[in-house]
Amino acid sequence: MHAPGPMQLLLIAIVLLVLFGRGKIANMMGEVGKGITAFKKGIKDGTDEIEKTSADGAKDVTPEKEKV
């Protein structure tokens, strides 16, 4: 399967514009941008939390009976 050519991409863009209209497509792209921003923020928060817990050091979870 090969990638679509420039004429095929132009035809797809025209069909989408006719079906949804310029305003609807702009709104959808805005929502996609917000979703990407939220995803990046979630990734950053997750890595910050992991770094914070690993900075606390390893905890000894050996039961009291087994400690010598």
C-alpha atoms as a PDB file:
ATOM      1  CA  MET A   1       0.000   0.000   0.000  1.00  0.00           C
ATOM      2  CA  HIS A   2       1.449   3.365  -0.950  1.00  0.00           C
ATOM      3  CA  ALA A   3       0.975   6.836   0.478  1.00  0.00           C
ATOM      4  CA  PRO A   4      -1.697   9.042  -1.109  1.00  0.00           C
ATOM      5  CA  GLY A   5      -0.488  11.599  -3.625  1.00  0.00           C
ATOM      6  CA  PRO A   6      -0.972  15.370  -3.432  1.00  0.00           C
ATOM      7  CA  MET A   7      -4.154  15.309  -5.558  1.00  0.00           C
ATOM      8  CA  GLN A   8      -5.703  12.649  -3.345  1.00  0.00           C
ATOM      9  CA  LEU A   9      -4.857  14.640  -0.187  1.00  0.00           C
ATOM     10  CA  LEU A  10      -6.382  17.768  -1.750  1.00  0.00           C
ATOM     11  CA  LEU A  11      -9.561  15.865  -2.593  1.00  0.00           C
ATOM     12  CA  ILE A  12      -9.803  14.527   0.965  1.00  0.00           C
ATOM     13  CA  ALA A  13      -9.309  18.040   2.381  1.00  0.00           C
ATOM     14  CA  ILE A  14     -12.053  19.453   0.126  1.00  0.00           C
ATOM     15  CA  VAL A  15     -14.489  16.699   1.099  1.00  0.00           C
ATOM     16  CA  LEU A  16     -13.808  17.274   4.803  1.00  0.00           C
ATOM     17  CA  LEU A  17     -14.280  21.021   4.387  1.00  0.00           C
ATOM     18  CA  VAL A  18     -17.590  20.520   2.594  1.00  0.00           C
ATOM     19  CA  LEU A  19     -18.864  17.985   5.132  1.00  0.00           C
ATOM     20  CA  PHE A  20     -17.863  19.733   8.333  1.00  0.00           C
ATOM     21  CA  GLY A  21     -17.325  23.375   7.426  1.00  0.00           C
ATOM     22  CA  ARG A  22     -14.411  25.600   8.363  1.00  0.00           C
ATOM     23  CA  GLY A  23     -15.646  26.427  11.880  1.00  0.00           C
ATOM     24  CA  LYS A  24     -16.220  22.812  12.884  1.00  0.00           C
ATOM     25  CA  ILE A  25     -12.752  21.751  11.679  1.00  0.00           C
ATOM     26  CA  ALA A  26     -11.141  24.647  13.574  1.00  0.00           C
ATOM     27  CA  ASN A  27     -12.982  23.603  16.754  1.00  0.00           C
ATOM     28  CA  MET A  28     -11.864  19.993  16.333  1.00  0.00           C
ATOM     29  CA  MET A  29      -8.234  21.045  15.886  1.00  0.00           C
ATOM     30  CA  GLY A  30      -8.501  23.205  19.026  1.00  0.00           C
ATOM     31  CA  GLU A  31      -9.772  20.209  20.982  1.00  0.00           C
ATOM     32  CA  VAL A  32      -6.937  18.062  19.636  1.00  0.00           C
ATOM     33  CA  GLY A  33      -4.448  20.718  20.793  1.00  0.00           C
ATOM     34  CA  LYS A  34      -6.003  20.782  24.270  1.00  0.00           C
ATOM     35  CA  GLY A  35      -5.819  16.995  24.437  1.00  0.00           C
ATOM     36  CA  ILE A  36      -2.139  16.971  23.488  1.00  0.00           C
ATOM     37  CA  THR A  37      -1.408  19.644  26.101  1.00  0.00           C
ATOM     38  CA  ALA A  38      -3.242  17.675  28.795  1.00  0.00           C
ATOM     39  CA  PHE A  39      -1.381  14.492  27.805  1.00  0.00           C
ATOM     40  CA  LYS A  40       2.015  16.216  28.026  1.00  0.00           C
ATOM     41  CA  LYS A  41       1.086  17.689  31.436  1.00  0.00           C
ATOM     42  CA  GLY A  42       0.076  14.235  32.680  1.00  0.00           C
ATOM     43  CA  ILE A  43       3.372  12.733  31.503  1.00  0.00           C
ATOM     44  CA  LYS A  44       5.335  15.533  33.218  1.00  0.00           C
ATOM     45  CA  ASP A  45       3.372  15.122  36.460  1.00  0.00           C
ATOM     46  CA  GLY A  46       3.964  11.372  36.395  1.00  0.00           C
ATOM     47  CA  THR A  47       7.718  11.691  35.877  1.00  0.00           C
ATOM     48  CA  ASP A  48       7.908  14.379  38.577  1.00  0.00           C
ATOM     49  CA  GLU A  49       6.132  12.044  41.014  1.00  0.00           C
ATOM     50  CA  ILE A  50       8.463   9.154  40.145  1.00  0.00           C
ATOM     51  CA  GLU A  51      11.535  11.351  40.635  1.00  0.00           C
ATOM     52  CA  LYS A  52      10.163  12.591  43.961  1.00  0.00           C
ATOM     53  CA  THR A  53       9.577   9.082  45.308  1.00  0.00           C
ATOM     54  CA  SER A  54      12.964   7.822  44.107  1.00  0.00           C
ATOM     55  CA  ALA A  55      14.652  10.843  45.731  1.00  0.00           C
ATOM     56  CA  ASP A  56      13.245   9.756  49.099  1.00  0.00           C
ATOM     57  CA  GLY A  57      15.508   6.718  48.936  1.00  0.00           C
ATOM     58  CA  ALA A  58      14.803   3.028  49.169  1.00  0.00           C
ATOM     59  CA  LYS A  59      12.733   1.890  52.115  1.00  0.00           C
ATOM     60  CA  ASP A  60      13.543  -1.221  54.110  1.00  0.00           C
ATOM     61  CA  VAL A  61      10.510  -3.476  53.970  1.00  0.00           C
ATOM     62  CA  THR A  62      12.109  -6.476  55.689  1.00  0.00           C
ATOM     63  CA  PRO A  63       9.835  -7.895  58.410  1.00  0.00           C
ATOM     64  CA  GLU A  64      11.050  -7.232  61.983  1.00  0.00           C
ATOM     65  CA  LYS A  65      11.473 -10.967  62.683  1.00  0.00           C
ATOM     66  CA  GLU A  66      13.987 -11.371  59.859  1.00  0.00           C
ATOM     67  CA  LYS A  67      16.161  -8.360  60.690  1.00  0.00           C
ATOM     68  CA  VAL A  68      19.435  -9.275  62.359  1.00  0.00           C
END
